[in-house]
Protein backbone atom coordinates (compact mmCIF):
# COMPACT_ATOMS: atom_id res chain seq x y z
CA MET A 1 -22.21 12.59 6.87
CA ARG A 2 -19.36 10.28 5.96
CA PRO A 3 -20.56 6.74 5.17
CA VAL A 4 -18.74 3.97 7.04
CA VAL A 5 -18.52 0.18 6.97
CA LYS A 6 -18.00 -1.94 10.14
CA PHE A 7 -17.81 -5.65 10.66
CA LEU A 8 -16.91 -5.99 14.38
CA THR A 9 -18.47 -4.83 17.61
CA GLU A 10 -16.16 -3.43 20.28
CA ASP A 11 -16.82 -6.45 22.49
CA LEU A 12 -15.73 -8.77 19.69
CA ILE A 13 -12.60 -6.71 19.02
CA GLU A 14 -11.66 -6.90 22.68
CA ARG A 15 -12.16 -10.69 22.67
CA ILE A 16 -9.98 -11.11 19.55
CA VAL A 17 -7.19 -8.97 21.03
CA SER A 18 -7.36 -10.82 24.32
CA GLU A 19 -7.16 -14.20 22.56
CA ALA A 20 -4.21 -13.01 20.44
CA ILE A 21 -2.33 -11.83 23.51
CA GLY A 22 -3.04 -15.21 25.11
CA VAL A 23 -1.53 -16.96 22.09
CA LEU A 24 1.64 -14.82 22.29
CA CYS A 25 2.00 -15.29 26.04
CA THR A 26 1.30 -19.03 26.00
CA LEU A 27 2.32 -20.53 22.67
CA GLY A 28 4.73 -17.79 21.66
CA VAL A 29 6.48 -17.11 18.36
CA GLU A 30 9.43 -18.63 16.49
CA ILE A 31 12.06 -15.98 15.65
CA HIS A 32 15.15 -16.86 13.58
CA ASN A 33 17.22 -13.87 14.69
CA GLU A 34 19.50 -14.03 17.70
CA GLU A 35 19.69 -10.24 18.09
CA VAL A 36 15.91 -10.01 18.29
CA LEU A 37 15.69 -12.92 20.69
CA ASN A 38 18.25 -11.26 22.97
CA LEU A 39 16.33 -7.96 22.75
CA LEU A 40 13.14 -9.69 23.86
CA SER A 41 14.95 -11.61 26.60
CA ASP A 42 16.38 -8.36 27.96
CA HIS A 43 12.80 -7.10 28.37
CA GLY A 44 11.46 -10.07 30.30
CA ALA A 45 10.34 -12.49 27.60
CA ALA A 46 11.02 -16.19 28.03
CA VAL A 47 13.46 -17.06 25.27
CA ASP A 48 14.71 -20.51 24.21
CA LEU A 49 17.76 -19.86 22.02
CA ASP A 50 18.04 -23.52 21.00
CA ARG A 51 14.48 -23.59 19.67
CA LEU A 52 14.59 -19.95 18.47
CA HIS A 53 11.39 -19.45 20.38
CA VAL A 54 10.00 -16.67 22.56
CA ILE A 55 7.07 -16.39 24.94
CA PHE A 56 5.91 -12.77 25.18
CA THR A 57 4.70 -10.97 28.27
CA GLU A 58 1.53 -8.93 28.50
CA GLU A 59 3.57 -6.10 29.98
CA ALA A 60 5.80 -5.89 26.90
CA ILE A 61 2.80 -5.92 24.56
CA GLU A 62 0.97 -3.25 26.54
CA LYS A 63 4.06 -1.03 26.74
CA ALA A 64 4.67 -1.35 22.97
CA LEU A 65 1.10 -0.29 22.26
CA GLU A 66 1.43 2.66 24.60
CA VAL A 67 4.49 4.11 22.89
CA ALA A 68 3.58 3.29 19.25
CA PRO A 69 2.41 6.54 17.60
CA GLU A 70 -1.26 6.97 16.74
CA SER A 71 -0.33 8.53 13.42
CA PHE A 72 2.51 9.85 11.30
CA ASN A 73 2.96 11.84 8.09
CA LEU A 74 4.76 10.96 4.88
CA TYR A 75 6.59 13.35 2.57
CA ASP A 76 7.74 13.41 -1.05
CA VAL A 77 11.31 13.84 -2.29
CA ARG A 78 10.96 17.62 -2.10
CA GLY A 79 9.85 17.46 1.52
CA ASN A 80 6.19 18.26 0.87
CA GLU A 81 3.64 16.48 3.04
CA THR A 82 1.59 13.95 1.10
CA HIS A 83 0.03 11.73 3.75
CA ASP A 84 -1.54 12.25 7.18
CA PHE A 85 -2.33 8.78 8.52
CA SER A 86 -4.66 9.98 11.25
CA GLY A 87 -8.31 9.12 11.80
CA HIS A 88 -10.03 7.72 8.73
CA ASN A 89 -7.88 9.48 6.15
CA PHE A 90 -7.11 7.05 3.31
CA TYR A 91 -4.56 6.96 0.50
CA TYR A 92 -3.83 4.57 -2.34
CA THR A 93 -0.53 3.05 -3.42
CA PRO A 94 0.10 0.47 -6.20
CA GLY A 95 0.44 -3.14 -5.18
CA SER A 96 3.92 -4.67 -4.98
CA ALA A 97 6.26 -6.48 -5.58
CA ALA A 98 5.17 -8.01 -8.84
CA LEU A 99 7.23 -10.67 -10.56
CA HIS A 100 5.42 -9.98 -13.86
CA VAL A 101 3.96 -7.23 -15.96
CA LEU A 102 0.96 -7.43 -18.29
CA ASP A 103 2.07 -6.47 -21.79
CA HIS A 104 -0.69 -4.49 -23.49
CA HIS A 105 0.33 -5.39 -27.04
CA SER A 106 0.73 -9.12 -26.67
CA LYS A 107 -1.86 -9.41 -23.86
CA ARG A 108 0.61 -11.77 -22.24
CA ILE A 109 2.14 -11.72 -18.76
CA ARG A 110 5.95 -11.52 -18.92
CA LYS A 111 8.98 -10.67 -16.80
CA PRO A 112 9.54 -6.92 -16.30
CA SER A 113 12.63 -4.93 -17.27
CA THR A 114 14.18 -1.64 -16.23
CA GLU A 115 12.25 0.07 -19.02
CA ASP A 116 8.99 -1.33 -17.63
CA TYR A 117 9.85 -0.01 -14.18
CA ILE A 118 10.67 3.47 -15.52
CA HIS A 119 7.41 3.56 -17.45
CA TYR A 120 5.59 2.57 -14.28
CA ALA A 121 7.25 5.33 -12.23
CA LYS A 122 6.52 7.93 -14.90
CA VAL A 123 2.85 6.97 -15.00
CA VAL A 124 2.40 6.87 -11.21
CA SER A 125 4.00 10.31 -10.90
CA GLN A 126 1.02 11.76 -12.79
CA LEU A 127 -1.89 9.86 -11.28
CA ASP A 128 -3.70 12.35 -9.05
CA HIS A 129 -5.58 9.85 -6.90
CA ILE A 130 -2.68 7.53 -6.09
CA ALA A 131 -0.68 9.35 -3.44
CA SER A 132 2.44 7.19 -3.20
CA GLN A 133 4.42 4.86 -5.33
CA SER A 134 5.57 1.38 -4.42
CA THR A 135 8.50 -0.66 -5.61
CA ALA A 136 5.93 -2.46 -7.69
CA LEU A 137 7.93 -4.43 -10.23
CA ILE A 138 11.04 -6.60 -9.92
CA PRO A 139 13.24 -6.03 -13.04
CA VAL A 140 15.06 -9.14 -14.24
CA ASP A 141 17.82 -7.29 -16.09
CA VAL A 142 19.88 -6.71 -12.92
CA HIS A 143 21.54 -9.09 -10.46
CA GLU A 144 18.95 -10.56 -8.14
CA LYS A 145 20.95 -9.42 -5.11
CA ILE A 146 20.37 -5.76 -6.03
CA ALA A 147 16.76 -6.11 -7.17
CA ASP A 148 15.39 -4.49 -3.99
CA SER A 149 17.71 -1.51 -3.88
CA TYR A 150 17.53 -1.02 -7.65
CA ARG A 151 13.75 -0.62 -7.51
CA LEU A 152 14.00 2.09 -4.85
CA PHE A 153 16.80 3.73 -6.81
CA LEU A 154 14.60 3.99 -9.93
CA SER A 155 11.61 5.19 -7.90
CA LEU A 156 13.57 8.05 -6.40
CA LEU A 157 15.01 9.07 -9.76
CA TYR A 158 11.74 9.08 -11.69
CA CYS A 159 8.88 9.87 -9.30
CA GLU A 160 8.55 12.48 -6.55
CA LYS A 161 5.99 10.57 -4.53
CA PRO A 162 6.98 8.76 -1.32
CA VAL A 163 7.67 5.06 -1.70
CA VAL A 164 6.25 1.92 -0.11
CA THR A 165 9.13 -0.49 -0.39
CA GLY A 166 10.95 -3.33 1.37
CA THR A 167 13.81 -5.76 1.04
CA PHE A 168 14.15 -9.51 0.82
CA THR A 169 17.72 -9.41 2.17
CA ILE A 170 19.42 -7.93 5.26
CA GLU A 171 22.29 -6.55 3.19
CA SER A 172 20.13 -4.37 0.93
CA PHE A 173 18.85 -2.24 3.78
CA THR A 174 22.04 -0.21 4.16
CA VAL A 175 22.12 1.15 0.62
CA MET A 176 18.33 1.70 0.63
CA LYS A 177 18.72 3.74 3.80
CA ASP A 178 21.64 5.62 2.20
CA PHE A 179 19.44 6.49 -0.80
CA GLN A 180 17.02 8.20 1.56
CA LEU A 181 19.81 10.02 3.36
CA ALA A 182 21.10 11.26 0.00
CA VAL A 183 17.67 12.78 -0.68
CA ARG A 184 17.05 14.17 2.82
CA GLY A 185 20.62 15.05 3.75
CA THR A 186 20.72 13.93 7.41
CA GLU A 187 19.30 11.26 9.68
CA ALA A 188 17.42 13.96 11.63
CA ALA A 189 15.83 15.28 8.46
CA LEU A 190 14.80 11.79 7.40
CA LYS A 191 13.22 11.14 10.78
CA GLU A 192 11.40 14.47 10.64
CA LYS A 193 10.10 13.85 7.11
CA PRO A 194 9.87 10.13 6.30
CA LEU A 195 10.22 9.31 2.63
CA THR A 196 9.45 5.59 2.60
CA ILE A 197 7.50 2.87 4.36
CA PHE A 198 9.11 -0.57 4.57
CA SER A 199 6.92 -3.68 4.41
CA CYS A 200 7.95 -6.29 6.99
CA CYS A 201 6.26 -9.68 6.82
CA PRO A 202 6.02 -12.31 9.51
CA THR A 203 5.61 -15.88 8.26
CA SER A 204 2.38 -17.62 9.13
CA PRO A 205 1.87 -19.30 11.44
CA LEU A 206 3.59 -17.30 14.24
CA LYS A 207 7.09 -17.04 12.87
CA TRP A 208 9.65 -14.33 11.98
CA SER A 209 12.56 -15.05 9.63
CA ASP A 210 16.05 -13.71 10.17
CA VAL A 211 15.67 -11.21 7.31
CA THR A 212 12.24 -9.76 8.12
CA SER A 213 12.81 -9.42 11.86
CA GLN A 214 16.14 -7.71 11.16
CA ASN A 215 14.36 -5.35 8.76
CA VAL A 216 12.04 -4.34 11.63
CA VAL A 217 15.04 -3.61 13.88
CA ASP A 218 17.00 -1.72 11.19
CA CYS A 219 14.06 0.47 10.25
CA ALA A 220 13.36 1.27 13.89
CA ARG A 221 16.94 2.42 14.45
CA TYR A 222 16.47 5.10 11.80
CA SER A 223 12.78 5.83 12.61
CA ILE A 224 11.85 4.62 9.11
CA PRO A 225 8.14 3.72 9.14
CA VAL A 226 7.19 0.06 8.85
CA GLU A 227 3.96 -1.60 7.76
CA PHE A 228 3.49 -5.09 9.20
CA ILE A 229 2.22 -7.47 6.57
CA ALA A 230 0.93 -10.61 8.29
CA MET A 231 -0.41 -13.13 5.78
CA PRO A 232 -2.49 -15.83 7.48
CA LEU A 233 -4.36 -18.01 4.99
CA SER A 234 -7.80 -18.98 6.23
CA GLY A 235 -8.23 -22.77 6.16
CA PHE A 236 -4.57 -23.46 5.31
CA MET A 237 -2.06 -21.58 7.46
CA ALA A 238 -4.73 -20.12 9.74
CA PRO A 239 -8.12 -21.16 11.16
CA VAL A 240 -10.81 -21.49 8.46
CA THR A 241 -13.08 -19.03 10.26
CA LEU A 242 -12.64 -15.31 9.70
CA ILE A 243 -12.56 -14.69 13.47
CA GLY A 244 -9.87 -17.33 13.95
CA THR A 245 -7.85 -15.75 11.13
CA LEU A 246 -8.20 -12.34 12.81
CA VAL A 247 -6.91 -13.78 16.10
CA GLN A 248 -3.83 -15.11 14.31
CA HIS A 249 -3.33 -11.90 12.32
CA THR A 250 -3.54 -9.87 15.54
CA ALA A 251 -0.98 -12.08 17.31
CA GLU A 252 1.52 -11.96 14.44
CA THR A 253 1.15 -8.19 14.04
CA LEU A 254 1.44 -7.52 17.78
CA SER A 255 4.68 -9.52 17.88
CA GLY A 256 6.16 -7.21 15.24
CA ILE A 257 4.98 -4.09 17.06
CA VAL A 258 6.79 -5.29 20.20
CA ILE A 259 10.05 -5.85 18.31
CA SER A 260 9.81 -2.42 16.70
CA GLN A 261 8.92 -0.46 19.82
CA LEU A 262 11.48 -2.21 22.02
CA THR A 263 14.17 -1.27 19.49
CA ASN A 264 13.14 2.36 19.31
CA PRO A 265 10.00 3.50 21.17
CA GLY A 266 7.87 5.75 19.02
CA THR A 267 8.93 4.31 15.65
CA PRO A 268 6.13 4.95 13.15
CA ILE A 269 4.18 1.82 12.14
CA LEU A 270 1.16 0.80 10.12
CA TYR A 271 -1.04 -2.00 11.42
CA GLY A 272 -1.30 -3.82 8.10
CA GLY A 273 -1.43 -7.14 6.37
CA SER A 274 -2.16 -9.22 3.29
CA PRO A 275 -4.25 -12.14 4.57
CA ALA A 276 -6.45 -14.22 2.30
CA ILE A 277 -8.77 -17.14 2.37
CA PHE A 278 -7.48 -20.35 0.77
CA ASP A 279 -9.49 -21.61 -2.18
CA VAL A 280 -9.14 -25.40 -1.77
CA ARG A 281 -10.55 -25.99 -5.28
CA TYR A 282 -7.56 -24.40 -7.00
CA GLU A 283 -5.05 -24.18 -4.11
CA THR A 284 -4.91 -20.39 -4.59
CA THR A 285 -5.06 -17.35 -2.29
CA PRO A 286 -7.73 -15.10 -3.82
CA MET A 287 -7.15 -11.44 -2.96
CA GLY A 288 -10.38 -10.58 -4.76
CA ALA A 289 -12.52 -12.84 -2.56
CA VAL A 290 -15.09 -10.95 -0.51
CA GLU A 291 -14.01 -12.89 2.60
CA THR A 292 -10.44 -11.68 2.11
CA MET A 293 -11.72 -8.11 1.91
CA MET A 294 -13.84 -8.61 5.02
CA VAL A 295 -10.79 -9.75 7.01
CA ASP A 296 -8.85 -6.71 5.75
CA CYS A 297 -11.57 -4.31 6.87
CA ALA A 298 -12.04 -6.10 10.19
CA TYR A 299 -8.38 -6.07 11.20
CA ASN A 300 -8.38 -2.37 10.27
CA GLU A 301 -11.03 -1.94 12.95
CA ILE A 302 -8.78 -3.80 15.39
CA GLY A 303 -5.85 -1.53 14.52
CA LYS A 304 -7.96 1.55 15.08
CA TYR A 305 -9.20 0.13 18.37
CA LEU A 306 -5.52 -0.17 19.37
CA LYS A 307 -5.08 3.52 18.27
CA LEU A 308 -2.76 2.67 15.38
CA PRO A 309 -2.82 3.77 11.73
CA THR A 310 -3.64 0.96 9.33
CA GLN A 311 -2.79 -0.61 5.97
CA ALA A 312 -4.20 -3.41 3.79
CA TYR A 313 -3.62 -5.16 0.49
CA ILE A 314 -7.04 -4.63 -1.02
CA SER A 315 -8.37 -3.07 -4.23
CA LEU A 316 -6.64 -5.62 -6.47
CA SER A 317 -7.75 -8.59 -8.52
CA ASP A 318 -6.99 -12.22 -9.24
CA ALA A 319 -7.90 -11.80 -12.94
CA LYS A 320 -5.18 -12.42 -15.54
CA GLN A 321 -6.25 -9.57 -17.85
CA LEU A 322 -7.83 -6.13 -17.57
CA ASP A 323 -11.32 -7.49 -17.78
CA ALA A 324 -14.67 -7.36 -15.98
CA GLN A 325 -13.38 -9.52 -13.12
CA ALA A 326 -10.46 -7.11 -12.61
CA GLY A 327 -12.87 -4.16 -12.34
CA LEU A 328 -15.34 -6.04 -10.19
CA GLU A 329 -12.85 -7.16 -7.56
CA SER A 330 -10.78 -3.96 -7.53
CA GLY A 331 -13.83 -1.72 -7.34
CA ILE A 332 -15.44 -3.58 -4.46
CA GLY A 333 -12.12 -3.66 -2.59
CA ALA A 334 -11.43 0.05 -3.09
CA THR A 335 -14.94 0.92 -1.94
CA LEU A 336 -14.84 -1.25 1.18
CA ALA A 337 -11.36 0.04 2.04
CA ALA A 338 -12.41 3.67 1.72
CA LEU A 339 -15.57 3.23 3.74
CA SER A 340 -13.61 1.37 6.41
CA GLY A 341 -11.03 4.14 6.62
CA ILE A 342 -7.99 1.95 5.94
CA ASN A 343 -5.25 4.56 5.98
CA ASN A 344 -2.85 3.09 3.38
CA ILE A 345 -4.56 1.05 0.68
CA SER A 346 -2.19 -1.10 -1.35
CA GLY A 347 -3.36 -2.76 -4.56
CA PRO A 348 -4.08 -0.57 -7.63
CA GLY A 349 -2.66 -1.92 -10.86
CA MET A 350 -2.27 -5.47 -9.53
CA ILE A 351 -3.71 -8.70 -10.90
CA ASP A 352 -2.97 -12.42 -10.71
CA PHE A 353 -2.74 -12.97 -6.93
CA GLU A 354 -0.43 -10.05 -6.18
CA SER A 355 2.07 -11.19 -8.79
CA CYS A 356 1.50 -8.97 -11.84
CA GLN A 357 1.27 -5.21 -12.49
CA SER A 358 -0.55 -3.59 -15.40
CA LEU A 359 -0.08 0.04 -16.31
CA GLU A 360 -3.43 0.05 -18.09
CA LYS A 361 -5.15 -1.30 -15.01
CA LEU A 362 -3.31 1.27 -12.94
CA VAL A 363 -4.90 4.18 -14.82
CA VAL A 364 -8.30 2.53 -14.59
CA ASP A 365 -7.83 2.01 -10.87
CA ASN A 366 -6.89 5.66 -10.54
CA GLU A 367 -10.43 6.43 -11.68
CA ILE A 368 -11.85 3.94 -9.17
CA CYS A 369 -9.84 5.70 -6.45
CA LYS A 370 -11.28 9.03 -7.50
CA MET A 371 -14.79 7.66 -7.21
CA THR A 372 -14.16 6.38 -3.68
CA TYR A 373 -12.96 9.81 -2.53
CA ARG A 374 -16.26 11.29 -3.72
CA LEU A 375 -18.14 8.46 -2.08
CA ALA A 376 -16.38 8.99 1.24
CA ALA A 377 -17.20 12.71 1.13
CA GLY A 378 -20.85 11.71 1.58
CA ILE A 379 -23.93 13.81 1.08
CA GLU A 380 -24.22 17.24 2.65
CA PRO A 381 -26.72 20.09 2.15
CA ARG A 382 -25.30 22.91 0.01
CA GLU A 383 -27.76 25.82 0.23
CA ASP A 384 -30.56 23.34 -0.52
CA PHE A 385 -32.88 24.73 2.17
CA PRO A 386 -35.25 26.30 1.66
CA SER A 387 -35.74 24.36 -1.56
CA LEU A 388 -38.66 26.41 -2.90
CA PRO A 389 -36.58 29.12 -4.72
CA ILE A 390 -34.56 26.49 -6.57
CA PHE A 391 -37.67 24.75 -7.82
CA GLN A 392 -39.29 28.03 -8.75
CA GLU A 393 -36.31 28.79 -10.94
CA LEU A 394 -36.43 25.28 -12.45
CA LEU A 395 -40.07 25.63 -13.39
CA LYS A 396 -39.53 29.11 -14.84
CA GLU A 397 -36.37 28.35 -16.85
CA GLN A 398 -37.12 24.64 -17.55
CA HIS A 399 -33.51 23.83 -16.64
CA LEU A 400 -30.83 24.69 -14.06
CA LEU A 401 -27.73 24.39 -16.25
CA ILE A 402 -26.53 27.97 -15.63
CA SER A 403 -28.26 28.77 -12.36
CA LYS A 404 -26.11 30.31 -9.60
CA HIS A 405 -26.71 27.28 -7.44
CA THR A 406 -25.49 24.91 -10.17
CA LEU A 407 -22.42 26.92 -11.01
CA ARG A 408 -21.48 27.28 -7.33
CA PHE A 409 -21.69 23.59 -6.44
CA LEU A 410 -21.29 21.60 -9.65
CA LYS A 411 -17.63 20.71 -9.20
CA GLU A 412 -18.08 19.81 -5.53
CA GLU A 413 -21.13 17.65 -6.08
CA HIS A 414 -20.20 15.90 -9.34
CA SER A 415 -16.93 14.04 -9.83
CA TYR A 416 -16.07 13.71 -13.50
CA PRO A 417 -13.79 10.86 -14.59
CA GLY A 418 -11.03 11.11 -17.17
CA LEU A 419 -11.22 9.77 -20.70
CA VAL A 420 -10.47 6.21 -19.58
CA ILE A 421 -14.09 5.96 -18.47
CA ASP A 422 -16.61 6.17 -21.33
CA ARG A 423 -19.65 8.38 -20.73
CA ALA A 424 -20.26 9.46 -24.32
CA SER A 425 -23.39 8.65 -26.27
CA ARG A 426 -23.13 5.57 -28.48
CA SER A 427 -22.99 7.65 -31.65
CA ARG A 428 -20.20 9.83 -30.31
CA TRP A 429 -18.35 6.76 -29.00
CA GLN A 430 -18.52 5.27 -32.50
CA GLU A 431 -17.35 8.55 -34.13
CA GLU A 432 -14.34 8.66 -31.79
CA GLY A 433 -13.16 5.17 -32.73
CA ALA A 434 -15.37 2.85 -30.65
CA LEU A 435 -12.41 2.19 -28.35
CA THR A 436 -12.57 -0.57 -25.73
CA LEU A 437 -11.60 0.03 -22.12
CA GLN A 438 -8.18 -1.54 -22.72
CA GLU A 439 -7.58 0.70 -25.72
CA ARG A 440 -8.61 3.82 -23.84
CA ALA A 441 -6.43 2.83 -20.89
CA HIS A 442 -3.43 2.24 -23.15
CA ARG A 443 -3.98 5.58 -24.85
CA GLU A 444 -3.90 7.21 -21.41
CA VAL A 445 -0.67 5.39 -20.53
CA ARG A 446 0.97 6.63 -23.74
CA LYS A 447 -0.23 10.17 -23.06
CA LEU A 448 1.25 10.13 -19.55
CA LEU A 449 4.55 8.79 -20.81
CA ASP A 450 4.70 11.51 -23.47
CA SER A 451 3.81 14.28 -20.96
CA TYR A 452 6.22 13.15 -18.27
CA GLU A 453 8.64 15.76 -16.95
CA PRO A 454 11.75 14.86 -14.92
CA ILE A 455 11.39 15.32 -11.17
CA GLU A 456 13.06 18.15 -9.27
CA LEU A 457 16.07 16.42 -7.82
CA THR A 458 19.34 18.32 -7.86
CA GLU A 459 22.11 16.95 -10.03
CA ASP A 460 24.22 16.38 -6.92
CA ILE A 461 21.52 14.14 -5.39
CA LYS A 462 21.03 12.26 -8.67
CA LEU A 463 24.77 11.66 -8.99
CA GLU A 464 24.95 10.45 -5.38
CA LEU A 465 22.10 8.01 -5.96
CA ILE A 466 23.79 6.70 -9.12
CA LYS A 467 27.14 6.35 -7.35
CA LEU A 468 25.56 4.41 -4.49
CA MET A 469 23.69 2.12 -6.91
CA GLU A 470 26.72 1.47 -9.09
CA ARG A 471 28.81 0.63 -6.04
CA GLU A 472 26.15 -1.80 -4.86
CA ALA A 473 25.93 -3.41 -8.31
CA ASN A 474 29.69 -3.73 -8.54
CA SER A 475 29.83 -5.52 -5.21
CA TYR A 476 27.75 -8.31 -6.76
CA GLY A 477 29.78 -8.49 -9.97
CA GLN A 478 27.52 -6.38 -12.18
CA ASP A 479 29.87 -3.96 -13.95
CA SER A 480 27.22 -1.56 -15.24
CA LEU A 481 23.54 -0.74 -14.78
CA PRO A 482 21.00 -1.12 -17.61
CA GLN A 483 20.59 1.87 -19.91
CA ARG A 484 17.88 4.22 -18.68
CA SER A 485 15.64 6.62 -20.58
CA PRO A 486 15.65 10.32 -19.48
C-alpha cells in the first residue's frame, strides 16, 4: 500500500475553490497587458482598460478547467519520455533561478558564472533521482538581457534532461522557443514531445504583470507547458491563516489557467506555486517552514481535485550552508511532497530562501529523493506467507544472507545510498579519511564532473543553438559569449 499524506477534506476543498471563484468574479484581478485584457473581454469578462482590471465569469473558469488536460508527458532532448504527470507520480527538479552559488572551497555565497552553470548541468545530467534540470543559476558574465535565454542555451548543450525554465522579459521568449524548435525540428514535433516547462508567476495579491501574462499567452500558442507559480505570503501579501492563503493561491492560479486555456484550449499546465508564510521577526519568507510545506501539500490536493497535474517549490532550505538545517528542512519537504503526490517537485540544491544553489547540496538531495521513492513504494508482501519455512531456514542456518528469499528480494526491499551518505563503521570511516558530509558531497561532485560525457546532440543542432545565442547576444551589444568548457 502506498502511504499518503492529506491535509484537506473534500468539503473543505470545495469551499476553498468556491471562495476563490467568488473573489475572481467579484473583486477581480489587475492585469497589465492589453492583449490579455482584450482576450478576456472577448470571452465575456468585465474589463476596465483604464484600471487594467478584469472581473472573471464563472462560465469562463469552468470552461477553462474542462479543457485543461489532466496530465501530460515530458521528453528529453533525444525525444525519450522522462515524465508522466498523471495520478500521484512525482519527479524532482532543482530549484531556480538562483542569484548565487555556494562555493565549496571558500564556504561563501557568491555570484555564479558560466563555468558554474556548466558544472551544474554536468552534475544534474548524472543524478539518477532528479528527472529534469532547471535553469537554476543566473550567470553574471553575460548581458542581463540575455540571462534567461543563455541559461536555457547552456542547459540544452550540456544536459539531456528536459528543462524547467522561464523568462523575466517578453523579448527572450522568441529565442527560447527557437532553441526548442532547433532541437525538435518542427512546431508539431515540439507540441507532441514537450522539452520544457515555463514558470509563469502572478504577483500577489491578485495581479499579473505585462511580462508574465504575455509569457502565458506565448507558451499557449506553441503548446509549451506552463507551471503557474502563485506566491502569496501568509500574514503579509495574503491572509495570515493557511486556509485564507489557499483561497488566494487558488484564485491567482485559476486566473492564469483561464488566460492559458482561452488562448489555446488544451495547453498543458501544472497547478503549482511557491507560497510561504512571512516570518515577522526577520521579515523573511521561510521555504523551510512547516506551514509553508503544509500550504504546498494542501494546494496540491486542490489541484488534484480540479483534475490537474501539480507542482510545488518544496524540498529546499533557508540555511546558508550545507548543514543540519539544510538536511532537516529539505528532507521533511521531500518526504511530504512525495507522500502528497506532488507531480513536479522543485527545490533540490537550493538554500537561502530560493536564492542560492549548491552542487554539494544537490548530490545530497539526490540521495534524499532516492529515499522518498523507496518510501512511496510502501510495504508489500513478497513471498512472506507462509512465514514458517523462512524462519525454519533462519533457525537452521543462523542467518539468511544467501537464502533464495534474500537474494530474490534484497534489491527491491533495501535501497542503498551512494557514498555521500555514510553507513560505514566508525573504524572504517576513520580509515577512509573521516570525511565530513560536505567533503563527501564535494568528492561526489568532482567525480561527476570528471565522468561527464557530452550529450548526444548532432553538430548541426549544436551549431544552430550557438548561432541563435550569438545573434541574441549581439543584439544587446555583447560581441562574444564567454568561453565554455567541452
